[in-house]
PDB file of N, CA and C in Angstrom:
ATOM      1  N   MET A   1       6.599 -20.402  -7.654  1.00  0.00           N
ATOM      2  CA  MET A   1       7.639 -19.454  -7.993  1.00  0.00           C
ATOM      3  C   MET A   1       7.414 -18.932  -9.393  1.00  0.00           C
ATOM      4  N   LYS A   2       7.780 -17.684  -9.601  1.00  0.00           N
ATOM      5  CA  LYS A   2       7.695 -17.034 -10.908  1.00  0.00           C
ATOM      6  C   LYS A   2       9.040 -16.401 -11.212  1.00  0.00           C
ATOM      7  N   THR A   3       9.374 -16.331 -12.464  1.00  0.00           N
ATOM      8  CA  THR A   3      10.578 -15.653 -12.910  1.00  0.00           C
ATOM      9  C   THR A   3      10.174 -14.325 -13.509  1.00  0.00           C
ATOM     10  N   ILE A   4      10.836 -13.248 -13.073  1.00  0.00           N
ATOM     11  CA  ILE A   4      10.569 -11.925 -13.622  1.00  0.00           C
ATOM     12  C   ILE A   4      11.865 -11.340 -14.160  1.00  0.00           C
ATOM     13  N   THR A   5      11.731 -10.379 -15.058  1.00  0.00           N
ATOM     14  CA  THR A   5      12.898  -9.725 -15.632  1.00  0.00           C
ATOM     15  C   THR A   5      12.883  -8.256 -15.224  1.00  0.00           C
ATOM     16  N   LEU A   6      14.014  -7.789 -14.728  1.00  0.00           N
ATOM     17  CA  LEU A   6      14.176  -6.391 -14.344  1.00  0.00           C
ATOM     18  C   LEU A   6      15.348  -5.816 -15.110  1.00  0.00           C
ATOM     19  N   ASP A   7      15.229  -4.536 -15.491  1.00  0.00           N
ATOM     20  CA  ASP A   7      16.418  -3.908 -16.063  1.00  0.00           C
ATOM     21  C   ASP A   7      17.385  -3.606 -14.919  1.00  0.00           C
ATOM     22  N   GLU A   8      18.577  -3.205 -15.253  1.00  0.00           N
ATOM     23  CA  GLU A   8      19.623  -3.009 -14.244  1.00  0.00           C
ATOM     24  C   GLU A   8      19.237  -1.968 -13.194  1.00  0.00           C
ATOM     25  N   ALA A   9      18.613  -0.876 -13.629  1.00  0.00           N
ATOM     26  CA  ALA A   9      18.221   0.178 -12.686  1.00  0.00           C
ATOM     27  C   ALA A   9      17.162  -0.326 -11.704  1.00  0.00           C
ATOM     28  N   ALA A  10      16.180  -1.070 -12.189  1.00  0.00           N
ATOM     29  CA  ALA A  10      15.138  -1.618 -11.316  1.00  0.00           C
ATOM     30  C   ALA A  10      15.734  -2.629 -10.338  1.00  0.00           C
ATOM     31  N   TYR A  11      16.636  -3.449 -10.822  1.00  0.00           N
ATOM     32  CA  TYR A  11      17.294  -4.437  -9.961  1.00  0.00           C
ATOM     33  C   TYR A  11      18.062  -3.746  -8.836  1.00  0.00           C
ATOM     34  N   GLU A  12      18.792  -2.688  -9.164  1.00  0.00           N
ATOM     35  CA  GLU A  12      19.576  -1.975  -8.152  1.00  0.00           C
ATOM     36  C   GLU A  12      18.668  -1.327  -7.107  1.00  0.00           C
ATOM     37  N   ARG A  13      17.509  -0.802  -7.540  1.00  0.00           N
ATOM     38  CA  ARG A  13      16.563  -0.221  -6.581  1.00  0.00           C
ATOM     39  C   ARG A  13      16.031  -1.285  -5.631  1.00  0.00           C
ATOM     40  N   LEU A  14      15.645  -2.432  -6.187  1.00  0.00           N
ATOM     41  CA  LEU A  14      15.125  -3.517  -5.361  1.00  0.00           C
ATOM     42  C   LEU A  14      16.200  -4.020  -4.404  1.00  0.00           C
ATOM     43  N   LYS A  15      17.400  -4.174  -4.913  1.00  0.00           N
ATOM     44  CA  LYS A  15      18.519  -4.657  -4.108  1.00  0.00           C
ATOM     45  C   LYS A  15      18.820  -3.703  -2.951  1.00  0.00           C
ATOM     46  N   ALA A  16      18.647  -2.400  -3.179  1.00  0.00           N
ATOM     47  CA  ALA A  16      18.923  -1.397  -2.144  1.00  0.00           C
ATOM     48  C   ALA A  16      17.968  -1.528  -0.953  1.00  0.00           C
ATOM     49  N   TRP A  17      16.780  -2.117  -1.166  1.00  0.00           N
ATOM     50  CA  TRP A  17      15.802  -2.284  -0.093  1.00  0.00           C
ATOM     51  C   TRP A  17      16.110  -3.489   0.790  1.00  0.00           C
ATOM     52  N   LYS A  18      16.998  -4.366   0.326  1.00  0.00           N
ATOM     53  CA  LYS A  18      17.310  -5.556   1.114  1.00  0.00           C
ATOM     54  C   LYS A  18      17.981  -5.157   2.425  1.00  0.00           C
ATOM     55  N   LYS A  19      17.584  -5.824   3.501  1.00  0.00           N
ATOM     56  CA  LYS A  19      18.137  -5.523   4.825  1.00  0.00           C
ATOM     57  C   LYS A  19      19.397  -6.338   5.116  1.00  0.00           C
ATOM     58  N   GLY A  20      19.749  -7.203   4.235  1.00  0.00           N
ATOM     59  CA  GLY A  20      20.939  -8.019   4.421  1.00  0.00           C
ATOM     60  C   GLY A  20      21.003  -9.061   3.325  1.00  0.00           C
ATOM     61  N   SER A  21      22.125  -9.744   3.255  1.00  0.00           N
ATOM     62  CA  SER A  21      22.308 -10.723   2.183  1.00  0.00           C
ATOM     63  C   SER A  21      21.377 -11.925   2.335  1.00  0.00           C
ATOM     64  N   ARG A  22      20.836 -12.141   3.532  1.00  0.00           N
ATOM     65  CA  ARG A  22      19.973 -13.307   3.756  1.00  0.00           C
ATOM     66  C   ARG A  22      18.512 -13.034   3.414  1.00  0.00           C
ATOM     67  N   GLU A  23      18.129 -11.769   3.234  1.00  0.00           N
ATOM     68  CA  GLU A  23      16.741 -11.461   2.903  1.00  0.00           C
ATOM     69  C   GLU A  23      16.507 -11.700   1.411  1.00  0.00           C
ATOM     70  N   SER A  24      15.430 -12.382   1.098  1.00  0.00           N
ATOM     71  CA  SER A  24      15.123 -12.668  -0.303  1.00  0.00           C
ATOM     72  C   SER A  24      14.437 -11.472  -0.948  1.00  0.00           C
ATOM     73  N   PHE A  25      14.463 -11.434  -2.265  1.00  0.00           N
ATOM     74  CA  PHE A  25      13.760 -10.372  -2.986  1.00  0.00           C
ATOM     75  C   PHE A  25      12.255 -10.498  -2.766  1.00  0.00           C
ATOM     76  N   SER A  26      11.744 -11.704  -2.623  1.00  0.00           N
ATOM     77  CA  SER A  26      10.321 -11.900  -2.330  1.00  0.00           C
ATOM     78  C   SER A  26       9.955 -11.238  -1.010  1.00  0.00           C
ATOM     79  N   SER A  27      10.803 -11.400  -0.006  1.00  0.00           N
ATOM     80  CA  SER A  27      10.557 -10.768   1.291  1.00  0.00           C
ATOM     81  C   SER A  27      10.567  -9.243   1.180  1.00  0.00           C
ATOM     82  N   VAL A  28      11.475  -8.723   0.375  1.00  0.00           N
ATOM     83  CA  VAL A  28      11.548  -7.268   0.187  1.00  0.00           C
ATOM     84  C   VAL A  28      10.258  -6.760  -0.446  1.00  0.00           C
ATOM     85  N   VAL A  29       9.787  -7.424  -1.489  1.00  0.00           N
ATOM     86  CA  VAL A  29       8.560  -6.992  -2.178  1.00  0.00           C
ATOM     87  C   VAL A  29       7.378  -7.037  -1.215  1.00  0.00           C
ATOM     88  N   LYS A  30       7.253  -8.115  -0.440  1.00  0.00           N
ATOM     89  CA  LYS A  30       6.139  -8.245   0.503  1.00  0.00           C
ATOM     90  C   LYS A  30       6.203  -7.180   1.596  1.00  0.00           C
ATOM     91  N   ARG A  31       7.409  -6.790   1.996  1.00  0.00           N
ATOM     92  CA  ARG A  31       7.584  -5.803   3.055  1.00  0.00           C
ATOM     93  C   ARG A  31       7.335  -4.389   2.555  1.00  0.00           C
ATOM     94  N   VAL A  32       7.761  -4.087   1.330  1.00  0.00           N
ATOM     95  CA  VAL A  32       7.738  -2.720   0.822  1.00  0.00           C
ATOM     96  C   VAL A  32       6.457  -2.377   0.065  1.00  0.00           C
ATOM     97  N   ILE A  33       5.901  -3.323  -0.660  1.00  0.00           N
ATOM     98  CA  ILE A  33       4.734  -3.047  -1.502  1.00  0.00           C
ATOM     99  C   ILE A  33       3.481  -3.561  -0.803  1.00  0.00           C
ATOM    100  N   PRO A  34       2.546  -2.652  -0.475  1.00  0.00           N
ATOM    101  CA  PRO A  34       1.340  -3.106   0.221  1.00  0.00           C
ATOM    102  C   PRO A  34       0.447  -3.949  -0.683  1.00  0.00           C
ATOM    103  N   ALA A  35      -0.246  -4.902  -0.070  1.00  0.00           N
ATOM    104  CA  ALA A  35      -1.195  -5.732  -0.820  1.00  0.00           C
ATOM    105  C   ALA A  35      -2.368  -4.863  -1.279  1.00  0.00           C
ATOM    106  N   PRO A  36      -2.890  -5.104  -2.488  1.00  0.00           N
ATOM    107  CA  PRO A  36      -4.044  -4.340  -2.963  1.00  0.00           C
ATOM    108  C   PRO A  36      -5.221  -4.482  -2.008  1.00  0.00           C
ATOM    109  N   GLY A  37      -5.929  -3.377  -1.808  1.00  0.00           N
ATOM    110  CA  GLY A  37      -7.114  -3.405  -0.959  1.00  0.00           C
ATOM    111  C   GLY A  37      -6.818  -3.218   0.517  1.00  0.00           C
ATOM    112  N   THR A  38      -5.554  -2.989   0.873  1.00  0.00           N
ATOM    113  CA  THR A  38      -5.205  -2.778   2.272  1.00  0.00           C
ATOM    114  C   THR A  38      -5.130  -1.292   2.571  1.00  0.00           C
ATOM    115  N   LEU A  39      -5.104  -0.976   3.849  1.00  0.00           N
ATOM    116  CA  LEU A  39      -4.965   0.420   4.253  1.00  0.00           C
ATOM    117  C   LEU A  39      -3.635   0.982   3.751  1.00  0.00           C
ATOM    118  N   GLY A  40      -2.609   0.153   3.736  1.00  0.00           N
ATOM    119  CA  GLY A  40      -1.305   0.589   3.228  1.00  0.00           C
ATOM    120  C   GLY A  40      -1.365   0.981   1.766  1.00  0.00           C
ATOM    121  N   ALA A  41      -2.110   0.218   0.968  1.00  0.00           N
ATOM    122  CA  ALA A  41      -2.271   0.536  -0.448  1.00  0.00           C
ATOM    123  C   ALA A  41      -3.032   1.840  -0.615  1.00  0.00           C
ATOM    124  N   PHE A  42      -4.073   2.013   0.188  1.00  0.00           N
ATOM    125  CA  PHE A  42      -4.853   3.246   0.127  1.00  0.00           C
ATOM    126  C   PHE A  42      -3.987   4.446   0.503  1.00  0.00           C
ATOM    127  N   LEU A  43      -3.211   4.310   1.569  1.00  0.00           N
ATOM    128  CA  LEU A  43      -2.339   5.395   2.003  1.00  0.00           C
ATOM    129  C   LEU A  43      -1.319   5.739   0.920  1.00  0.00           C
ATOM    130  N   SER A  44      -0.740   4.727   0.291  1.00  0.00           N
ATOM    131  CA  SER A  44       0.216   4.971  -0.793  1.00  0.00           C
ATOM    132  C   SER A  44      -0.440   5.730  -1.940  1.00  0.00           C
ATOM    133  N   HIS A  45      -1.670   5.349  -2.272  1.00  0.00           N
ATOM    134  CA  HIS A  45      -2.402   6.030  -3.343  1.00  0.00           C
ATOM    135  C   HIS A  45      -2.650   7.496  -2.991  1.00  0.00           C
ATOM    136  N   VAL A  46      -3.098   7.750  -1.777  1.00  0.00           N
ATOM    137  CA  VAL A  46      -3.389   9.123  -1.352  1.00  0.00           C
ATOM    138  C   VAL A  46      -2.112   9.961  -1.342  1.00  0.00           C
ATOM    139  N   GLN A  47      -1.026   9.397  -0.848  1.00  0.00           N
ATOM    140  CA  GLN A  47       0.239  10.133  -0.812  1.00  0.00           C
ATOM    141  C   GLN A  47       0.736  10.438  -2.222  1.00  0.00           C
ATOM    142  N   ALA A  48       0.565   9.505  -3.137  1.00  0.00           N
ATOM    143  CA  ALA A  48       1.012   9.710  -4.518  1.00  0.00           C
ATOM    144  C   ALA A  48       0.149  10.752  -5.227  1.00  0.00           C
ATOM    145  N   ALA A  49      -1.135  10.818  -4.860  1.00  0.00           N
ATOM    146  CA  ALA A  49      -2.051  11.754  -5.508  1.00  0.00           C
ATOM    147  C   ALA A  49      -1.780  13.196  -5.092  1.00  0.00           C
ATOM    148  N   GLY A  50      -1.117  13.383  -3.974  1.00  0.00           N
ATOM    149  CA  GLY A  50      -0.863  14.738  -3.497  1.00  0.00           C
ATOM    150  C   GLY A  50      -2.086  15.287  -2.793  1.00  0.00           C
ATOM    151  N   ASN A  51      -2.163  16.588  -2.710  1.00  0.00           N
ATOM    152  CA  ASN A  51      -3.282  17.233  -2.023  1.00  0.00           C
ATOM    153  C   ASN A  51      -4.555  17.124  -2.845  1.00  0.00           C
ATOM    154  N   LEU A  52      -5.592  16.572  -2.226  1.00  0.00           N
ATOM    155  CA  LEU A  52      -6.898  16.515  -2.863  1.00  0.00           C
ATOM    156  C   LEU A  52      -7.667  17.768  -2.470  1.00  0.00           C
ATOM    157  N   ASP A  53      -8.720  18.069  -3.225  1.00  0.00           N
ATOM    158  CA  ASP A  53      -9.478  19.260  -2.847  1.00  0.00           C
ATOM    159  C   ASP A  53     -10.366  18.970  -1.647  1.00  0.00           C
ATOM    160  N   LYS A  54     -10.743  20.022  -0.944  1.00  0.00           N
ATOM    161  CA  LYS A  54     -11.500  19.906   0.306  1.00  0.00           C
ATOM    162  C   LYS A  54     -12.844  19.211   0.107  1.00  0.00           C
ATOM    163  N   GLU A  55     -13.503  19.460  -1.027  1.00  0.00           N
ATOM    164  CA  GLU A  55     -14.810  18.848  -1.293  1.00  0.00           C
ATOM    165  C   GLU A  55     -14.681  17.328  -1.400  1.00  0.00           C
ATOM    166  N   LYS A  56     -13.672  16.867  -2.117  1.00  0.00           N
ATOM    167  CA  LYS A  56     -13.457  15.423  -2.250  1.00  0.00           C
ATOM    168  C   LYS A  56     -13.070  14.809  -0.905  1.00  0.00           C
ATOM    169  N   ASP A  57     -12.250  15.530  -0.132  1.00  0.00           N
ATOM    170  CA  ASP A  57     -11.882  15.039   1.195  1.00  0.00           C
ATOM    171  C   ASP A  57     -13.122  14.866   2.063  1.00  0.00           C
ATOM    172  N   ALA A  58     -14.026  15.835   2.033  1.00  0.00           N
ATOM    173  CA  ALA A  58     -15.249  15.778   2.837  1.00  0.00           C
ATOM    174  C   ALA A  58     -16.138  14.614   2.397  1.00  0.00           C
ATOM    175  N   LEU A  59     -16.261  14.388   1.091  1.00  0.00           N
ATOM    176  CA  LEU A  59     -17.066  13.274   0.586  1.00  0.00           C
ATOM    177  C   LEU A  59     -16.487  11.937   1.029  1.00  0.00           C
ATOM    178  N   MET A  60     -15.172  11.819   0.979  1.00  0.00           N
ATOM    179  CA  MET A  60     -14.529  10.572   1.387  1.00  0.00           C
ATOM    180  C   MET A  60     -14.731  10.345   2.881  1.00  0.00           C
ATOM    181  N   GLU A  61     -14.560  11.378   3.681  1.00  0.00           N
ATOM    182  CA  GLU A  61     -14.744  11.242   5.125  1.00  0.00           C
ATOM    183  C   GLU A  61     -16.189  10.854   5.458  1.00  0.00           C
ATOM    184  N   GLU A  62     -17.134  11.457   4.759  1.00  0.00           N
ATOM    185  CA  GLU A  62     -18.546  11.135   4.969  1.00  0.00           C
ATOM    186  C   GLU A  62     -18.821   9.667   4.635  1.00  0.00           C
ATOM    187  N   ALA A  63     -18.278   9.191   3.519  1.00  0.00           N
ATOM    188  CA  ALA A  63     -18.479   7.798   3.121  1.00  0.00           C
ATOM    189  C   ALA A  63     -17.872   6.843   4.138  1.00  0.00           C
ATOM    190  N   ILE A  64     -16.713   7.167   4.653  1.00  0.00           N
ATOM    191  CA  ILE A  64     -16.068   6.325   5.663  1.00  0.00           C
ATOM    192  C   ILE A  64     -16.892   6.297   6.941  1.00  0.00           C
ATOM    193  N   ASN A  65     -17.376   7.463   7.357  1.00  0.00           N
ATOM    194  CA  ASN A  65     -18.178   7.534   8.582  1.00  0.00           C
ATOM    195  C   ASN A  65     -19.482   6.768   8.434  1.00  0.00           C
ATOM    196  N   GLU A  66     -20.114   6.863   7.274  1.00  0.00           N
ATOM    197  CA  GLU A  66     -21.359   6.121   7.045  1.00  0.00           C
ATOM    198  C   GLU A  66     -21.112   4.619   7.085  1.00  0.00           C
ATOM    199  N   ARG A  67     -20.042   4.191   6.467  1.00  0.00           N
ATOM    200  CA  ARG A  67     -19.722   2.755   6.449  1.00  0.00           C
ATOM    201  C   ARG A  67     -19.399   2.266   7.847  1.00  0.00           C
ATOM    202  N   SER A  68     -18.689   3.076   8.617  1.00  0.00           N
ATOM    203  CA  SER A  68     -18.331   2.685   9.977  1.00  0.00           C
ATOM    204  C   SER A  68     -19.574   2.558  10.853  1.00  0.00           C
ATOM    205  N   ALA A  69     -20.574   3.401  10.603  1.00  0.00           N
ATOM    206  CA  ALA A  69     -21.778   3.391  11.427  1.00  0.00           C
ATOM    207  C   ALA A  69     -22.603   2.122  11.225  1.00  0.00           C
ATOM    208  N   VAL A  70     -22.573   1.550  10.045  1.00  0.00           N
ATOM    209  CA  VAL A  70     -23.381   0.350   9.775  1.00  0.00           C
ATOM    210  C   VAL A  70     -22.606  -0.946  10.014  1.00  0.00           C
ATOM    211  N   LYS A  71     -21.338  -0.838  10.222  1.00  0.00           N
ATOM    212  CA  LYS A  71     -20.520  -2.031  10.450  1.00  0.00           C
ATOM    213  C   LYS A  71     -20.877  -2.653  11.794  1.00  0.00           C
ATOM    214  N   GLU A  72     -21.023  -3.949  11.798  1.00  0.00           N
ATOM    215  CA  GLU A  72     -21.395  -4.654  13.020  1.00  0.00           C
ATOM    216  C   GLU A  72     -20.219  -4.760  13.977  1.00  0.00           C
ATOM    217  N   ASP A  73     -20.538  -4.727  15.245  1.00  0.00           N
ATOM    218  CA  ASP A  73     -19.533  -4.910  16.290  1.00  0.00           C
ATOM    219  C   ASP A  73     -19.215  -6.399  16.379  1.00  0.00           C
ATOM    220  N   PRO A  74     -17.977  -6.817  16.117  1.00  0.00           N
ATOM    221  CA  PRO A  74     -17.650  -8.254  16.132  1.00  0.00           C
ATOM    222  C   PRO A  74     -17.683  -8.868  17.528  1.00  0.00           C
ATOM    223  N   TRP A  75     -17.756  -8.055  18.562  1.00  0.00           N
ATOM    224  CA  TRP A  75     -17.710  -8.565  19.930  1.00  0.00           C
ATOM    225  C   TRP A  75     -19.096  -8.794  20.531  1.00  0.00           C
ATOM    226  N   ILE A  76     -20.137  -8.481  19.763  1.00  0.00           N
ATOM    227  CA  ILE A  76     -21.500  -8.651  20.272  1.00  0.00           C
ATOM    228  C   ILE A  76     -22.047  -9.997  19.829  1.00  0.00           C
TER     229      ILE A  76
END
């Protein structure tokens, strides 16, 4: 366990995400904030960045496709 300090505004925002009085703040953080390195974290980053230019989008898609092509099939 760790103790953290939040100002009143941050506390109220976190509290607003709770689904009920029985849900812990730890559960809220785990549910709402994606773990680093996950697809959820990547999606959050892309959404926060707004519209990227077409050239960067194409480079990213190419890199993903290349990586997917060399990835081994786990079922073989």
